[in-house]
Amino acid sequence: MVAIVVTYAPGGKSPAHHHARSAFVYAHVLSGAIRSQVGDEPAKVYQVGEGFHEVPGSYHWISENASDTDPASLLAVFVVESEDRPLTTPDEK
């Protein structure tokens, strides 16, 4: 298990990406609001205290701060085989 705090500046975002093949990911919003779209699900804004998950093999299309004025952060907990790296691979556009 690996836990990482992801912090977004106002208007900040991550490129589209996927995680290690064996990774089950749970994300919990710590501050602000996070817009996320995983797989074929519609994009959704998650508020403080809310969370979402990604099953192994999911594609994370959108991961961004929902605000242009306030910072946001989330705790990402990866349940992953120890030798399965890297944890996150950006889209090759």
Protein backbone atom coordinates (compact mmCIF):
# COMPACT_ATOMS: atom_id res chain seq x y z
CA MET A 1 0.00 0.00 0.00
CA VAL A 2 1.29 3.46 -0.95
CA ALA A 3 -0.31 6.75 0.12
CA ILE A 4 0.40 10.05 -1.64
CA VAL A 5 -0.99 13.54 -1.07
CA VAL A 6 -1.70 15.28 -4.38
CA THR A 7 -1.92 19.08 -4.19
CA TYR A 8 -3.33 21.29 -6.93
CA ALA A 9 -2.77 25.04 -7.12
CA PRO A 10 -5.78 27.10 -8.20
CA GLY A 11 -6.64 25.94 -11.74
CA GLY A 12 -4.06 23.13 -11.49
CA LYS A 13 -4.46 19.74 -13.10
CA SER A 14 -2.72 16.49 -13.94
CA PRO A 15 -2.41 15.18 -17.50
CA ALA A 16 -4.61 12.23 -18.47
CA HIS A 17 -2.96 9.08 -17.09
CA HIS A 18 -3.24 5.49 -15.95
CA HIS A 19 -1.79 3.73 -12.93
CA ALA A 20 0.27 0.59 -12.41
CA ARG A 21 -1.49 -2.47 -13.84
CA SER A 22 -2.24 -4.02 -10.44
CA ALA A 23 -3.22 -0.76 -8.72
CA PHE A 24 -6.56 -0.26 -7.02
CA VAL A 25 -6.70 3.44 -6.11
CA TYR A 26 -8.90 5.18 -3.56
CA ALA A 27 -8.87 9.00 -3.55
CA HIS A 28 -10.20 11.12 -0.66
CA VAL A 29 -10.56 14.91 -1.01
CA LEU A 30 -8.72 16.67 1.82
CA SER A 31 -9.28 20.30 0.81
CA GLY A 32 -11.05 22.29 -1.88
CA ALA A 33 -12.88 20.48 -4.68
CA ILE A 34 -11.52 18.00 -7.24
CA ARG A 35 -12.98 17.31 -10.70
CA SER A 36 -12.33 13.75 -11.81
CA GLN A 37 -13.29 11.47 -14.68
CA VAL A 38 -12.27 7.83 -14.61
CA GLY A 39 -12.99 5.45 -17.47
CA ASP A 40 -16.40 5.83 -19.11
CA GLU A 41 -17.98 7.53 -16.10
CA PRO A 42 -19.00 11.20 -16.48
CA ALA A 43 -16.78 13.87 -14.92
CA LYS A 44 -17.80 14.73 -11.35
CA VAL A 45 -16.72 17.29 -8.76
CA TYR A 46 -15.86 15.85 -5.35
CA GLN A 47 -15.93 18.04 -2.23
CA VAL A 48 -13.97 17.76 1.04
CA GLY A 49 -14.68 14.41 2.69
CA GLU A 50 -15.86 12.72 -0.52
CA GLY A 51 -13.93 10.11 -2.42
CA PHE A 52 -13.77 7.96 -5.52
CA HIS A 53 -11.91 4.86 -6.65
CA GLU A 54 -10.16 3.46 -9.68
CA VAL A 55 -10.06 -0.25 -10.40
CA PRO A 56 -6.93 -1.81 -11.93
CA GLY A 57 -6.61 -0.89 -15.62
CA SER A 58 -8.69 2.31 -15.35
CA TYR A 59 -7.85 5.38 -17.39
CA HIS A 60 -7.99 8.71 -15.54
CA TRP A 61 -9.10 11.27 -18.14
CA ILE A 62 -9.54 14.28 -15.81
CA SER A 63 -7.93 15.05 -12.47
CA GLU A 64 -7.97 18.73 -11.62
CA ASN A 65 -8.75 21.44 -9.16
CA ALA A 66 -12.38 22.49 -9.69
CA SER A 67 -11.52 26.05 -8.59
CA ASP A 68 -9.49 28.76 -10.30
CA THR A 69 -9.09 30.67 -7.03
CA ASP A 70 -8.57 28.14 -4.20
CA PRO A 71 -6.06 25.28 -3.82
CA ALA A 72 -7.22 21.66 -3.49
CA SER A 73 -5.71 18.39 -2.33
CA LEU A 74 -6.50 14.71 -2.17
CA LEU A 75 -5.06 11.62 -0.53
CA ALA A 76 -4.47 8.83 -3.07
CA VAL A 77 -4.09 5.36 -1.56
CA PHE A 78 -2.71 2.72 -3.93
CA VAL A 79 -3.13 -0.97 -3.18
CA VAL A 80 -0.56 -2.33 -5.60
CA GLU A 81 1.89 -5.19 -6.03
CA SER A 82 5.22 -3.95 -4.61
CA GLU A 83 7.21 -4.42 -7.84
CA ASP A 84 4.55 -2.88 -10.12
CA ARG A 85 6.01 0.51 -11.13
CA PRO A 86 5.69 3.29 -12.05
CA LEU A 87 2.59 4.13 -10.02
CA THR A 88 1.42 6.76 -12.54
CA THR A 89 2.08 7.04 -16.28
CA PRO A 90 0.97 10.22 -18.15
CA ASP A 91 -0.82 9.99 -21.48
CA GLU A 92 1.57 10.07 -24.46
CA LYS A 93 0.02 12.90 -26.48
